[in-house]
């Protein structure tokens, strides 16, 4: 579960951000899994899809500020 969650964080956020989360979570499986789940669920929100796009390239290309 830890490996899958880390892989998801890298895919969703990028390596640097994923590493920061893992470090902050002290490499705890439960914490990292909950963070990955929260990010996944937020990404499924229709309002966010409309604002930022439905794929990573679209989200990274728009002004997210």
PDB file of N, CA and C in Angstrom:
ATOM      1  N   UNK A   1       0.823  -1.187   0.000  1.00  0.00           N
ATOM      2  CA  UNK A   1       0.000   0.000   0.000  1.00  0.00           C
ATOM      3  C   UNK A   1       0.872   1.257   0.000  1.00  0.00           C
ATOM      4  N   UNK A   2       1.969   1.227   0.735  1.00  0.00           N
ATOM      5  CA  UNK A   2       2.862   2.382   0.788  1.00  0.00           C
ATOM      6  C   UNK A   2       3.455   2.679  -0.585  1.00  0.00           C
ATOM      7  N   UNK A   3       3.899   1.663  -1.271  1.00  0.00           N
ATOM      8  CA  UNK A   3       4.498   1.836  -2.591  1.00  0.00           C
ATOM      9  C   UNK A   3       3.498   2.413  -3.587  1.00  0.00           C
ATOM     10  N   UNK A   4       2.281   1.909  -3.565  1.00  0.00           N
ATOM     11  CA  UNK A   4       1.239   2.397  -4.476  1.00  0.00           C
ATOM     12  C   UNK A   4       0.915   3.854  -4.170  1.00  0.00           C
ATOM     13  N   UNK A   5       0.823   4.184  -2.894  1.00  0.00           N
ATOM     14  CA  UNK A   5       0.511   5.559  -2.500  1.00  0.00           C
ATOM     15  C   UNK A   5       1.626   6.510  -2.910  1.00  0.00           C
ATOM     16  N   UNK A   6       2.867   6.094  -2.722  1.00  0.00           N
ATOM     17  CA  UNK A   6       3.994   6.929  -3.133  1.00  0.00           C
ATOM     18  C   UNK A   6       4.000   7.122  -4.643  1.00  0.00           C
ATOM     19  N   UNK A   7       3.758   6.058  -5.376  1.00  0.00           N
ATOM     20  CA  UNK A   7       3.706   6.150  -6.841  1.00  0.00           C
ATOM     21  C   UNK A   7       2.609   7.112  -7.287  1.00  0.00           C
ATOM     22  N   UNK A   8       1.460   7.033  -6.618  1.00  0.00           N
ATOM     23  CA  UNK A   8       0.352   7.930  -6.962  1.00  0.00           C
ATOM     24  C   UNK A   8       0.734   9.381  -6.695  1.00  0.00           C
ATOM     25  N   UNK A   9       1.351   9.645  -5.546  1.00  0.00           N
ATOM     26  CA  UNK A   9       1.753  11.011  -5.219  1.00  0.00           C
ATOM     27  C   UNK A   9       2.732  11.561  -6.256  1.00  0.00           C
ATOM     28  N   UNK A  10       3.665  10.738  -6.696  1.00  0.00           N
ATOM     29  CA  UNK A  10       4.620  11.169  -7.728  1.00  0.00           C
ATOM     30  C   UNK A  10       3.869  11.495  -9.021  1.00  0.00           C
ATOM     31  N   UNK A  11       2.941  10.635  -9.399  1.00  0.00           N
ATOM     32  CA  UNK A  11       2.190  10.849 -10.642  1.00  0.00           C
ATOM     33  C   UNK A  11       1.305  12.095 -10.549  1.00  0.00           C
ATOM     34  N   UNK A  12       0.710  12.312  -9.392  1.00  0.00           N
ATOM     35  CA  UNK A  12      -0.221  13.425  -9.233  1.00  0.00           C
ATOM     36  C   UNK A  12       0.474  14.760  -9.004  1.00  0.00           C
ATOM     37  N   UNK A  13       1.595  14.744  -8.272  1.00  0.00           N
ATOM     38  CA  UNK A  13       2.206  15.995  -7.830  1.00  0.00           C
ATOM     39  C   UNK A  13       3.609  16.246  -8.356  1.00  0.00           C
ATOM     40  N   UNK A  14       4.295  15.197  -8.740  1.00  0.00           N
ATOM     41  CA  UNK A  14       5.692  15.314  -9.134  1.00  0.00           C
ATOM     42  C   UNK A  14       6.591  14.766  -8.039  1.00  0.00           C
ATOM     43  N   UNK A  15       7.815  14.429  -8.428  1.00  0.00           N
ATOM     44  CA  UNK A  15       8.733  13.760  -7.503  1.00  0.00           C
ATOM     45  C   UNK A  15       9.089  14.619  -6.290  1.00  0.00           C
ATOM     46  N   UNK A  16       9.416  15.881  -6.526  1.00  0.00           N
ATOM     47  CA  UNK A  16       9.848  16.752  -5.429  1.00  0.00           C
ATOM     48  C   UNK A  16       8.750  16.896  -4.371  1.00  0.00           C
ATOM     49  N   UNK A  17       7.539  17.182  -4.802  1.00  0.00           N
ATOM     50  CA  UNK A  17       6.433  17.362  -3.877  1.00  0.00           C
ATOM     51  C   UNK A  17       6.102  16.061  -3.153  1.00  0.00           C
ATOM     52  N   UNK A  18       6.149  14.950  -3.879  1.00  0.00           N
ATOM     53  CA  UNK A  18       5.882  13.648  -3.256  1.00  0.00           C
ATOM     54  C   UNK A  18       6.927  13.341  -2.190  1.00  0.00           C
ATOM     55  N   UNK A  19       8.189  13.618  -2.491  1.00  0.00           N
ATOM     56  CA  UNK A  19       9.254  13.388  -1.511  1.00  0.00           C
ATOM     57  C   UNK A  19       9.052  14.238  -0.257  1.00  0.00           C
ATOM     58  N   UNK A  20       8.602  15.479  -0.444  1.00  0.00           N
ATOM     59  CA  UNK A  20       8.352  16.353   0.696  1.00  0.00           C
ATOM     60  C   UNK A  20       7.233  15.804   1.581  1.00  0.00           C
ATOM     61  N   UNK A  21       6.186  15.304   0.959  1.00  0.00           N
ATOM     62  CA  UNK A  21       5.069  14.733   1.728  1.00  0.00           C
ATOM     63  C   UNK A  21       5.529  13.503   2.491  1.00  0.00           C
ATOM     64  N   UNK A  22       6.261  12.622   1.825  1.00  0.00           N
ATOM     65  CA  UNK A  22       6.752  11.401   2.474  1.00  0.00           C
ATOM     66  C   UNK A  22       7.655  11.769   3.647  1.00  0.00           C
ATOM     67  N   UNK A  23       8.515  12.742   3.457  1.00  0.00           N
ATOM     68  CA  UNK A  23       9.405  13.181   4.539  1.00  0.00           C
ATOM     69  C   UNK A  23       8.592  13.754   5.698  1.00  0.00           C
ATOM     70  N   UNK A  24       7.636  14.625   5.383  1.00  0.00           N
ATOM     71  CA  UNK A  24       6.799  15.244   6.409  1.00  0.00           C
ATOM     72  C   UNK A  24       5.992  14.194   7.177  1.00  0.00           C
ATOM     73  N   UNK A  25       5.518  13.174   6.462  1.00  0.00           N
ATOM     74  CA  UNK A  25       4.721  12.109   7.075  1.00  0.00           C
ATOM     75  C   UNK A  25       5.594  11.079   7.781  1.00  0.00           C
ATOM     76  N   UNK A  26       6.894  11.295   7.773  1.00  0.00           N
ATOM     77  CA  UNK A  26       7.854  10.397   8.421  1.00  0.00           C
ATOM     78  C   UNK A  26       7.734   8.964   7.894  1.00  0.00           C
ATOM     79  N   UNK A  27       7.409   8.859   6.595  1.00  0.00           N
ATOM     80  CA  UNK A  27       7.318   7.575   5.902  1.00  0.00           C
ATOM     81  C   UNK A  27       6.307   6.606   6.536  1.00  0.00           C
ATOM     82  N   UNK A  28       5.280   7.150   7.176  1.00  0.00           N
ATOM     83  CA  UNK A  28       4.237   6.325   7.806  1.00  0.00           C
ATOM     84  C   UNK A  28       3.194   5.923   6.771  1.00  0.00           C
ATOM     85  N   UNK A  29       2.999   4.629   6.635  1.00  0.00           N
ATOM     86  CA  UNK A  29       2.088   4.104   5.614  1.00  0.00           C
ATOM     87  C   UNK A  29       0.689   4.683   5.742  1.00  0.00           C
ATOM     88  N   UNK A  30       0.122   4.674   6.937  1.00  0.00           N
ATOM     89  CA  UNK A  30      -1.256   5.144   7.116  1.00  0.00           C
ATOM     90  C   UNK A  30      -1.382   6.610   6.722  1.00  0.00           C
ATOM     91  N   UNK A  31      -0.452   7.423   7.148  1.00  0.00           N
ATOM     92  CA  UNK A  31      -0.508   8.855   6.849  1.00  0.00           C
ATOM     93  C   UNK A  31      -0.366   9.116   5.355  1.00  0.00           C
ATOM     94  N   UNK A  32       0.601   8.498   4.721  1.00  0.00           N
ATOM     95  CA  UNK A  32       0.836   8.706   3.291  1.00  0.00           C
ATOM     96  C   UNK A  32      -0.351   8.203   2.478  1.00  0.00           C
ATOM     97  N   UNK A  33      -0.918   7.082   2.873  1.00  0.00           N
ATOM     98  CA  UNK A  33      -2.083   6.534   2.175  1.00  0.00           C
ATOM     99  C   UNK A  33      -3.277   7.475   2.297  1.00  0.00           C
ATOM    100  N   UNK A  34      -3.497   8.034   3.477  1.00  0.00           N
ATOM    101  CA  UNK A  34      -4.615   8.971   3.666  1.00  0.00           C
ATOM    102  C   UNK A  34      -4.417  10.244   2.844  1.00  0.00           C
ATOM    103  N   UNK A  35      -3.187  10.735   2.767  1.00  0.00           N
ATOM    104  CA  UNK A  35      -2.902  11.920   1.963  1.00  0.00           C
ATOM    105  C   UNK A  35      -3.157  11.625   0.487  1.00  0.00           C
ATOM    106  N   UNK A  36      -2.662  10.487   0.011  1.00  0.00           N
ATOM    107  CA  UNK A  36      -2.873  10.104  -1.394  1.00  0.00           C
ATOM    108  C   UNK A  36      -4.362   9.958  -1.686  1.00  0.00           C
ATOM    109  N   UNK A  37      -5.103   9.372  -0.765  1.00  0.00           N
ATOM    110  CA  UNK A  37      -6.546   9.209  -0.945  1.00  0.00           C
ATOM    111  C   UNK A  37      -7.241  10.570  -1.012  1.00  0.00           C
ATOM    112  N   UNK A  38      -6.867  11.488  -0.130  1.00  0.00           N
ATOM    113  CA  UNK A  38      -7.480  12.813  -0.119  1.00  0.00           C
ATOM    114  C   UNK A  38      -7.199  13.557  -1.426  1.00  0.00           C
ATOM    115  N   UNK A  39      -5.978  13.442  -1.928  1.00  0.00           N
ATOM    116  CA  UNK A  39      -5.634  14.094  -3.190  1.00  0.00           C
ATOM    117  C   UNK A  39      -6.409  13.466  -4.344  1.00  0.00           C
ATOM    118  N   UNK A  40      -6.515  12.139  -4.330  1.00  0.00           N
ATOM    119  CA  UNK A  40      -7.278  11.455  -5.376  1.00  0.00           C
ATOM    120  C   UNK A  40      -8.737  11.898  -5.358  1.00  0.00           C
ATOM    121  N   UNK A  41      -9.345  11.915  -4.178  1.00  0.00           N
ATOM    122  CA  UNK A  41     -10.756  12.293  -4.069  1.00  0.00           C
ATOM    123  C   UNK A  41     -10.976  13.744  -4.478  1.00  0.00           C
ATOM    124  N   UNK A  42     -10.055  14.622  -4.110  1.00  0.00           N
ATOM    125  CA  UNK A  42     -10.176  16.020  -4.509  1.00  0.00           C
ATOM    126  C   UNK A  42     -10.081  16.148  -6.028  1.00  0.00           C
ATOM    127  N   UNK A  43      -9.254  15.334  -6.634  1.00  0.00           N
ATOM    128  CA  UNK A  43      -9.103  15.362  -8.088  1.00  0.00           C
ATOM    129  C   UNK A  43     -10.319  14.858  -8.831  1.00  0.00           C
ATOM    130  N   UNK A  44     -11.188  14.149  -8.141  1.00  0.00           N
ATOM    131  CA  UNK A  44     -12.401  13.643  -8.766  1.00  0.00           C
ATOM    132  C   UNK A  44     -13.538  14.666  -8.721  1.00  0.00           C
ATOM    133  N   UNK A  45     -13.357  15.755  -7.990  1.00  0.00           N
ATOM    134  CA  UNK A  45     -14.370  16.773  -7.819  1.00  0.00           C
ATOM    135  C   UNK A  45     -14.617  17.508  -9.138  1.00  0.00           C
ATOM    136  N   UNK A  46     -15.865  17.592  -9.554  1.00  0.00           N
ATOM    137  CA  UNK A  46     -16.212  18.234 -10.821  1.00  0.00           C
ATOM    138  C   UNK A  46     -15.819  19.712 -10.856  1.00  0.00           C
ATOM    139  N   UNK A  47     -15.953  20.407  -9.730  1.00  0.00           N
ATOM    140  CA  UNK A  47     -15.597  21.820  -9.683  1.00  0.00           C
ATOM    141  C   UNK A  47     -14.110  22.011  -9.966  1.00  0.00           C
ATOM    142  N   UNK A  48     -13.279  21.162  -9.402  1.00  0.00           N
ATOM    143  CA  UNK A  48     -11.842  21.259  -9.654  1.00  0.00           C
ATOM    144  C   UNK A  48     -11.517  20.919 -11.102  1.00  0.00           C
ATOM    145  N   UNK A  49     -12.204  19.930 -11.665  1.00  0.00           N
ATOM    146  CA  UNK A  49     -11.966  19.570 -13.062  1.00  0.00           C
ATOM    147  C   UNK A  49     -12.300  20.734 -13.984  1.00  0.00           C
ATOM    148  N   UNK A  50     -13.387  21.439 -13.688  1.00  0.00           N
ATOM    149  CA  UNK A  50     -13.769  22.572 -14.521  1.00  0.00           C
ATOM    150  C   UNK A  50     -12.758  23.705 -14.402  1.00  0.00           C
ATOM    151  N   UNK A  51     -12.251  23.943 -13.197  1.00  0.00           N
ATOM    152  CA  UNK A  51     -11.325  25.050 -12.978  1.00  0.00           C
ATOM    153  C   UNK A  51      -9.924  24.747 -13.503  1.00  0.00           C
ATOM    154  N   UNK A  52      -9.433  23.525 -13.253  1.00  0.00           N
ATOM    155  CA  UNK A  52      -8.034  23.222 -13.556  1.00  0.00           C
ATOM    156  C   UNK A  52      -7.829  22.249 -14.707  1.00  0.00           C
ATOM    157  N   UNK A  53      -8.891  21.663 -15.224  1.00  0.00           N
ATOM    158  CA  UNK A  53      -8.741  20.694 -16.293  1.00  0.00           C
ATOM    159  C   UNK A  53      -8.770  19.274 -15.758  1.00  0.00           C
ATOM    160  N   UNK A  54      -8.862  18.325 -16.667  1.00  0.00           N
ATOM    161  CA  UNK A  54      -9.040  16.937 -16.249  1.00  0.00           C
ATOM    162  C   UNK A  54      -7.769  16.108 -16.319  1.00  0.00           C
ATOM    163  N   UNK A  55      -6.674  16.704 -16.777  1.00  0.00           N
ATOM    164  CA  UNK A  55      -5.443  15.935 -16.753  1.00  0.00           C
ATOM    165  C   UNK A  55      -4.294  16.783 -16.223  1.00  0.00           C
ATOM    166  N   UNK A  56      -3.222  16.152 -15.891  1.00  0.00           N
ATOM    167  CA  UNK A  56      -2.098  16.803 -15.225  1.00  0.00           C
ATOM    168  C   UNK A  56      -1.502  17.944 -16.055  1.00  0.00           C
ATOM    169  N   UNK A  57      -1.340  17.730 -17.357  1.00  0.00           N
ATOM    170  CA  UNK A  57      -0.763  18.774 -18.203  1.00  0.00           C
ATOM    171  C   UNK A  57      -1.650  20.015 -18.213  1.00  0.00           C
ATOM    172  N   UNK A  58      -2.959  19.804 -18.277  1.00  0.00           N
ATOM    173  CA  UNK A  58      -3.875  20.941 -18.250  1.00  0.00           C
ATOM    174  C   UNK A  58      -3.772  21.690 -16.916  1.00  0.00           C
ATOM    175  N   UNK A  59      -3.745  20.940 -15.801  1.00  0.00           N
ATOM    176  CA  UNK A  59      -3.705  21.567 -14.474  1.00  0.00           C
ATOM    177  C   UNK A  59      -2.408  22.345 -14.294  1.00  0.00           C
ATOM    178  N   UNK A  60      -1.295  21.767 -14.718  1.00  0.00           N
ATOM    179  CA  UNK A  60       0.002  22.422 -14.531  1.00  0.00           C
ATOM    180  C   UNK A  60       0.144  23.636 -15.448  1.00  0.00           C
ATOM    181  N   UNK A  61      -0.589  23.652 -16.550  1.00  0.00           N
ATOM    182  CA  UNK A  61      -0.460  24.747 -17.501  1.00  0.00           C
ATOM    183  C   UNK A  61      -1.306  25.952 -17.156  1.00  0.00           C
ATOM    184  N   UNK A  62      -2.262  25.811 -16.270  1.00  0.00           N
ATOM    185  CA  UNK A  62      -3.163  26.912 -15.924  1.00  0.00           C
ATOM    186  C   UNK A  62      -2.657  27.634 -14.691  1.00  0.00           C
ATOM    187  N   UNK A  63      -3.110  28.852 -14.530  1.00  0.00           N
ATOM    188  CA  UNK A  63      -2.759  29.642 -13.347  1.00  0.00           C
ATOM    189  C   UNK A  63      -3.538  29.101 -12.163  1.00  0.00           C
ATOM    190  N   UNK A  64      -2.848  28.367 -11.292  1.00  0.00           N
ATOM    191  CA  UNK A  64      -3.495  27.729 -10.149  1.00  0.00           C
ATOM    192  C   UNK A  64      -3.470  28.604  -8.915  1.00  0.00           C
ATOM    193  N   UNK A  65      -3.133  29.845  -9.047  1.00  0.00           N
ATOM    194  CA  UNK A  65      -3.008  30.697  -7.879  1.00  0.00           C
ATOM    195  C   UNK A  65      -4.189  31.494  -7.543  1.00  0.00           C
TER     196      UNK A  65
END
